[in-house]
Amino acid sequence: MSQSIFIHGLRLCCHVGVPDEELAVAQELLLHLEMMPSYAWDQLQDDIALTVDYAKVVEQLEQLAGAKPRRLIETLAVDIVDFLLESHPLTKVKVTIEKFILPQTRSVAVMLEKSR
């Protein structure tokens, strides 16, 4: 059985960038997340305490992104995936982060997928 929890289009505001001028100003990133739980949904008994609470995940990722500046969105992707695998009952996490920095593009993005 394959099952996933998705969070699409999470807007995160954080300091990220290679030049110091870019790093100094908080910017909005767009995050897309796929989480594969380590439990079967038919065992949940309609109890939110037995699943991944996506509202809590959003709150945690907002705090994680804002906790410190990073030069690379790749570093933020690693931090997010590692945090989620360590703190939630998940077997795999896939994150895509979009950054809106180059005027000639709609966005640039990185994707990281990691399994426990």
N, C-alpha and C. Protein backbone atom coordinates (compact mmCIF):
# COMPACT_ATOMS: atom_id res chain seq x y z
N MET A 1 0.85 -1.17 0.00
CA MET A 1 0.00 0.00 0.00
C MET A 1 0.90 1.24 0.00
N SER A 2 0.53 2.18 -0.83
CA SER A 2 1.27 3.44 -0.90
C SER A 2 0.37 4.56 -0.39
N GLN A 3 0.90 5.38 0.48
CA GLN A 3 0.13 6.49 1.04
C GLN A 3 1.06 7.66 1.30
N SER A 4 0.57 8.87 1.07
CA SER A 4 1.37 10.08 1.24
C SER A 4 0.52 11.19 1.82
N ILE A 5 1.18 12.08 2.52
CA ILE A 5 0.59 13.32 3.01
C ILE A 5 1.31 14.45 2.28
N PHE A 6 0.55 15.34 1.66
CA PHE A 6 1.12 16.43 0.87
C PHE A 6 0.82 17.78 1.52
N ILE A 7 1.80 18.65 1.45
CA ILE A 7 1.61 20.08 1.74
C ILE A 7 2.16 20.80 0.53
N HIS A 8 1.29 21.50 -0.19
CA HIS A 8 1.69 22.20 -1.42
C HIS A 8 1.63 23.71 -1.21
N GLY A 9 2.66 24.38 -1.66
CA GLY A 9 2.64 25.83 -1.69
C GLY A 9 2.76 26.51 -0.34
N LEU A 10 3.48 25.89 0.60
CA LEU A 10 3.71 26.53 1.90
C LEU A 10 4.66 27.71 1.71
N ARG A 11 4.21 28.88 2.09
CA ARG A 11 5.04 30.08 1.99
C ARG A 11 5.85 30.24 3.27
N LEU A 12 7.17 30.23 3.12
CA LEU A 12 8.07 30.40 4.25
C LEU A 12 8.87 31.68 4.05
N CYS A 13 8.98 32.46 5.09
CA CYS A 13 9.77 33.69 5.05
C CYS A 13 11.05 33.45 5.85
N CYS A 14 12.19 33.63 5.20
CA CYS A 14 13.46 33.38 5.90
C CYS A 14 14.59 34.12 5.20
N HIS A 15 15.73 34.11 5.86
CA HIS A 15 16.94 34.73 5.32
C HIS A 15 17.77 33.64 4.64
N VAL A 16 17.90 33.77 3.33
CA VAL A 16 18.68 32.81 2.56
C VAL A 16 19.27 33.52 1.36
N GLY A 17 20.53 33.24 1.08
CA GLY A 17 21.17 33.85 -0.09
C GLY A 17 22.68 33.84 0.02
N VAL A 18 23.32 33.84 -1.13
CA VAL A 18 24.78 33.80 -1.16
C VAL A 18 25.38 35.19 -0.96
N PRO A 19 24.98 36.21 -1.73
CA PRO A 19 25.54 37.54 -1.43
C PRO A 19 24.99 38.05 -0.10
N ASP A 20 25.83 38.75 0.65
CA ASP A 20 25.41 39.29 1.94
C ASP A 20 24.18 40.19 1.83
N GLU A 21 24.08 40.95 0.72
CA GLU A 21 22.94 41.84 0.53
C GLU A 21 21.63 41.03 0.44
N GLU A 22 21.68 39.90 -0.24
CA GLU A 22 20.49 39.05 -0.36
C GLU A 22 20.16 38.38 0.97
N LEU A 23 21.17 37.92 1.66
CA LEU A 23 20.99 37.23 2.94
C LEU A 23 20.42 38.17 4.00
N ALA A 24 20.70 39.44 3.89
CA ALA A 24 20.27 40.42 4.90
C ALA A 24 18.76 40.67 4.91
N VAL A 25 18.09 40.38 3.80
CA VAL A 25 16.66 40.68 3.68
C VAL A 25 15.87 39.37 3.64
N ALA A 26 14.89 39.24 4.53
CA ALA A 26 14.05 38.04 4.52
C ALA A 26 13.29 37.97 3.20
N GLN A 27 13.17 36.77 2.66
CA GLN A 27 12.44 36.58 1.42
C GLN A 27 11.51 35.39 1.53
N GLU A 28 10.51 35.39 0.67
CA GLU A 28 9.54 34.31 0.70
C GLU A 28 9.97 33.19 -0.23
N LEU A 29 9.91 31.97 0.30
CA LEU A 29 10.15 30.76 -0.47
C LEU A 29 8.85 29.98 -0.54
N LEU A 30 8.74 29.12 -1.52
CA LEU A 30 7.57 28.27 -1.66
C LEU A 30 8.02 26.82 -1.51
N LEU A 31 7.36 26.11 -0.61
CA LEU A 31 7.76 24.74 -0.28
C LEU A 31 6.65 23.77 -0.65
N HIS A 32 7.05 22.66 -1.26
CA HIS A 32 6.12 21.57 -1.59
C HIS A 32 6.68 20.32 -0.90
N LEU A 33 5.82 19.63 -0.18
CA LEU A 33 6.26 18.54 0.68
C LEU A 33 5.42 17.30 0.44
N GLU A 34 6.09 16.15 0.35
CA GLU A 34 5.42 14.86 0.33
C GLU A 34 6.03 14.02 1.45
N MET A 35 5.16 13.52 2.33
CA MET A 35 5.61 12.72 3.47
C MET A 35 4.94 11.35 3.41
N MET A 36 5.74 10.28 3.51
CA MET A 36 5.22 8.92 3.50
C MET A 36 5.23 8.40 4.93
N PRO A 37 4.05 8.19 5.51
CA PRO A 37 3.98 7.74 6.90
C PRO A 37 4.43 6.30 7.08
N SER A 38 4.85 6.00 8.30
CA SER A 38 5.33 4.66 8.63
C SER A 38 4.22 3.78 9.19
N TYR A 39 3.00 4.22 9.16
CA TYR A 39 1.86 3.49 9.70
C TYR A 39 0.81 3.36 8.60
N ALA A 40 -0.09 2.42 8.75
CA ALA A 40 -1.17 2.23 7.79
C ALA A 40 -2.38 3.04 8.22
N TRP A 41 -3.01 3.69 7.26
CA TRP A 41 -4.14 4.55 7.58
C TRP A 41 -5.33 3.79 8.13
N ASP A 42 -5.45 2.52 7.80
CA ASP A 42 -6.58 1.76 8.34
C ASP A 42 -6.41 1.45 9.82
N GLN A 43 -5.28 1.84 10.40
CA GLN A 43 -5.04 1.65 11.84
C GLN A 43 -5.27 2.94 12.64
N LEU A 44 -5.63 4.03 11.98
CA LEU A 44 -5.71 5.33 12.65
C LEU A 44 -6.94 5.51 13.53
N GLN A 45 -7.98 4.78 13.28
CA GLN A 45 -9.21 4.87 14.08
C GLN A 45 -9.73 6.30 14.15
N ASP A 46 -9.52 7.07 13.09
CA ASP A 46 -9.99 8.45 13.01
C ASP A 46 -9.46 9.33 14.15
N ASP A 47 -8.24 9.04 14.61
CA ASP A 47 -7.62 9.74 15.74
C ASP A 47 -6.41 10.52 15.25
N ILE A 48 -6.47 11.85 15.31
CA ILE A 48 -5.37 12.69 14.82
C ILE A 48 -4.07 12.45 15.59
N ALA A 49 -4.16 12.00 16.82
CA ALA A 49 -2.95 11.73 17.61
C ALA A 49 -2.13 10.58 17.04
N LEU A 50 -2.73 9.78 16.18
CA LEU A 50 -2.05 8.62 15.61
C LEU A 50 -1.45 8.89 14.23
N THR A 51 -1.60 10.10 13.73
CA THR A 51 -1.10 10.43 12.40
C THR A 51 -0.17 11.65 12.48
N VAL A 52 0.30 12.09 11.34
CA VAL A 52 1.11 13.30 11.25
C VAL A 52 0.14 14.48 11.14
N ASP A 53 0.20 15.37 12.10
CA ASP A 53 -0.66 16.56 12.12
C ASP A 53 -0.02 17.61 11.21
N TYR A 54 -0.58 17.79 10.02
CA TYR A 54 0.05 18.70 9.06
C TYR A 54 0.03 20.15 9.51
N ALA A 55 -0.93 20.55 10.34
CA ALA A 55 -0.92 21.92 10.88
C ALA A 55 0.30 22.11 11.79
N LYS A 56 0.61 21.09 12.57
CA LYS A 56 1.79 21.15 13.44
C LYS A 56 3.08 21.16 12.59
N VAL A 57 3.10 20.36 11.53
CA VAL A 57 4.26 20.34 10.64
C VAL A 57 4.51 21.73 10.05
N VAL A 58 3.46 22.40 9.60
CA VAL A 58 3.59 23.75 9.04
C VAL A 58 4.19 24.69 10.07
N GLU A 59 3.66 24.66 11.28
CA GLU A 59 4.17 25.51 12.36
C GLU A 59 5.65 25.23 12.63
N GLN A 60 6.01 23.95 12.69
CA GLN A 60 7.40 23.58 12.95
C GLN A 60 8.33 24.03 11.83
N LEU A 61 7.89 23.91 10.58
CA LEU A 61 8.73 24.32 9.45
C LEU A 61 8.89 25.83 9.38
N GLU A 62 7.86 26.58 9.76
CA GLU A 62 8.00 28.03 9.83
C GLU A 62 9.06 28.42 10.85
N GLN A 63 9.05 27.75 12.00
CA GLN A 63 10.05 28.03 13.03
C GLN A 63 11.45 27.61 12.57
N LEU A 64 11.55 26.43 11.96
CA LEU A 64 12.83 25.94 11.48
C LEU A 64 13.44 26.87 10.44
N ALA A 65 12.64 27.29 9.48
CA ALA A 65 13.14 28.16 8.41
C ALA A 65 13.61 29.51 8.95
N GLY A 66 12.91 30.03 9.95
CA GLY A 66 13.25 31.33 10.50
C GLY A 66 14.29 31.32 11.59
N ALA A 67 14.73 30.13 12.01
CA ALA A 67 15.62 30.01 13.16
C ALA A 67 17.02 30.56 12.92
N LYS A 68 17.49 30.47 11.68
CA LYS A 68 18.85 30.94 11.38
C LYS A 68 18.97 31.23 9.90
N PRO A 69 19.88 32.11 9.52
CA PRO A 69 20.10 32.36 8.09
C PRO A 69 20.88 31.20 7.46
N ARG A 70 20.65 31.01 6.18
CA ARG A 70 21.37 29.98 5.42
C ARG A 70 21.80 30.58 4.08
N ARG A 71 22.93 30.17 3.59
CA ARG A 71 23.39 30.62 2.28
C ARG A 71 22.62 29.93 1.16
N LEU A 72 22.32 28.65 1.33
CA LEU A 72 21.78 27.83 0.25
C LEU A 72 20.40 27.28 0.59
N ILE A 73 19.50 27.25 -0.42
CA ILE A 73 18.22 26.58 -0.20
C ILE A 73 18.42 25.07 -0.10
N GLU A 74 19.52 24.58 -0.63
CA GLU A 74 19.85 23.16 -0.47
C GLU A 74 20.04 22.81 1.02
N THR A 75 20.68 23.70 1.76
CA THR A 75 20.88 23.50 3.20
C THR A 75 19.55 23.48 3.93
N LEU A 76 18.65 24.38 3.56
CA LEU A 76 17.32 24.39 4.17
C LEU A 76 16.58 23.09 3.85
N ALA A 77 16.70 22.60 2.63
CA ALA A 77 16.05 21.33 2.26
C ALA A 77 16.55 20.18 3.13
N VAL A 78 17.85 20.10 3.35
CA VAL A 78 18.43 19.06 4.21
C VAL A 78 17.90 19.21 5.63
N ASP A 79 17.90 20.43 6.15
CA ASP A 79 17.42 20.67 7.51
C ASP A 79 15.96 20.23 7.66
N ILE A 80 15.13 20.53 6.67
CA ILE A 80 13.71 20.18 6.72
C ILE A 80 13.52 18.67 6.69
N VAL A 81 14.14 18.01 5.75
CA VAL A 81 13.98 16.56 5.61
C VAL A 81 14.48 15.83 6.85
N ASP A 82 15.65 16.20 7.33
CA ASP A 82 16.20 15.55 8.53
C ASP A 82 15.31 15.77 9.74
N PHE A 83 14.81 16.99 9.93
CA PHE A 83 13.93 17.28 11.04
C PHE A 83 12.66 16.42 10.98
N LEU A 84 12.03 16.37 9.82
CA LEU A 84 10.78 15.63 9.70
C LEU A 84 10.98 14.13 9.94
N LEU A 85 12.05 13.57 9.40
CA LEU A 85 12.30 12.13 9.61
C LEU A 85 12.61 11.81 11.07
N GLU A 86 13.26 12.74 11.77
CA GLU A 86 13.61 12.52 13.17
C GLU A 86 12.43 12.73 14.12
N SER A 87 11.50 13.60 13.76
CA SER A 87 10.47 14.01 14.72
C SER A 87 9.05 13.51 14.41
N HIS A 88 8.87 12.81 13.32
CA HIS A 88 7.54 12.32 12.95
C HIS A 88 7.64 10.87 12.47
N PRO A 89 6.54 10.12 12.57
CA PRO A 89 6.55 8.72 12.11
C PRO A 89 6.47 8.63 10.58
N LEU A 90 7.60 8.87 9.93
CA LEU A 90 7.67 8.90 8.48
C LEU A 90 8.79 7.97 8.00
N THR A 91 8.59 7.38 6.83
CA THR A 91 9.63 6.55 6.23
C THR A 91 10.38 7.27 5.13
N LYS A 92 9.73 8.26 4.51
CA LYS A 92 10.36 9.01 3.43
C LYS A 92 9.76 10.41 3.37
N VAL A 93 10.61 11.37 3.04
CA VAL A 93 10.17 12.76 2.87
C VAL A 93 10.79 13.29 1.58
N LYS A 94 9.97 13.99 0.82
CA LYS A 94 10.43 14.65 -0.40
C LYS A 94 10.03 16.12 -0.28
N VAL A 95 11.01 17.00 -0.46
CA VAL A 95 10.74 18.44 -0.37
C VAL A 95 11.28 19.13 -1.61
N THR A 96 10.50 20.06 -2.12
CA THR A 96 10.92 20.95 -3.20
C THR A 96 10.80 22.37 -2.67
N ILE A 97 11.85 23.16 -2.85
CA ILE A 97 11.85 24.56 -2.40
C ILE A 97 12.06 25.45 -3.62
N GLU A 98 11.13 26.38 -3.81
CA GLU A 98 11.24 27.36 -4.90
C GLU A 98 11.69 28.69 -4.33
N LYS A 99 12.56 29.35 -5.09
CA LYS A 99 13.08 30.66 -4.70
C LYS A 99 12.86 31.61 -5.88
N PHE A 100 12.44 32.82 -5.57
CA PHE A 100 12.07 33.79 -6.61
C PHE A 100 13.10 34.92 -6.63
N ILE A 101 14.23 34.64 -7.23
CA ILE A 101 15.34 35.58 -7.14
C ILE A 101 15.84 36.07 -8.50
N LEU A 102 15.72 35.27 -9.54
CA LEU A 102 16.22 35.67 -10.85
C LEU A 102 15.08 36.27 -11.66
N PRO A 103 15.20 37.51 -12.08
CA PRO A 103 14.08 38.19 -12.74
C PRO A 103 13.66 37.54 -14.07
N GLN A 104 14.56 36.82 -14.72
CA GLN A 104 14.22 36.21 -16.00
C GLN A 104 13.59 34.82 -15.85
N THR A 105 13.35 34.40 -14.59
CA THR A 105 12.71 33.10 -14.35
C THR A 105 11.49 33.27 -13.45
N ARG A 106 10.59 32.32 -13.53
CA ARG A 106 9.47 32.32 -12.57
C ARG A 106 10.00 31.93 -11.20
N SER A 107 10.89 30.93 -11.17
CA SER A 107 11.53 30.51 -9.91
C SER A 107 12.71 29.62 -10.23
N VAL A 108 13.56 29.43 -9.23
CA VAL A 108 14.57 28.38 -9.24
C VAL A 108 14.20 27.45 -8.11
N ALA A 109 14.61 26.19 -8.19
CA ALA A 109 14.16 25.24 -7.17
C ALA A 109 15.19 24.15 -6.96
N VAL A 110 15.08 23.55 -5.77
CA VAL A 110 15.84 22.34 -5.45
C VAL A 110 14.84 21.30 -4.94
N MET A 111 15.19 20.02 -5.11
CA MET A 111 14.35 18.93 -4.61
C MET A 111 15.25 17.94 -3.90
N LEU A 112 14.81 17.48 -2.74
CA LEU A 112 15.53 16.48 -1.97
C LEU A 112 14.55 15.43 -1.51
N GLU A 113 14.90 14.17 -1.69
CA GLU A 113 14.10 13.04 -1.20
C GLU A 113 15.01 12.15 -0.37
N LYS A 114 14.54 11.81 0.83
CA LYS A 114 15.37 11.00 1.73
C LYS A 114 14.48 10.01 2.47
N SER A 115 15.00 8.80 2.64
CA SER A 115 14.28 7.75 3.37
C SER A 115 14.98 7.45 4.67
N ARG A 116 14.20 6.94 5.59
CA ARG A 116 14.74 6.53 6.88
C ARG A 116 15.33 5.14 6.74
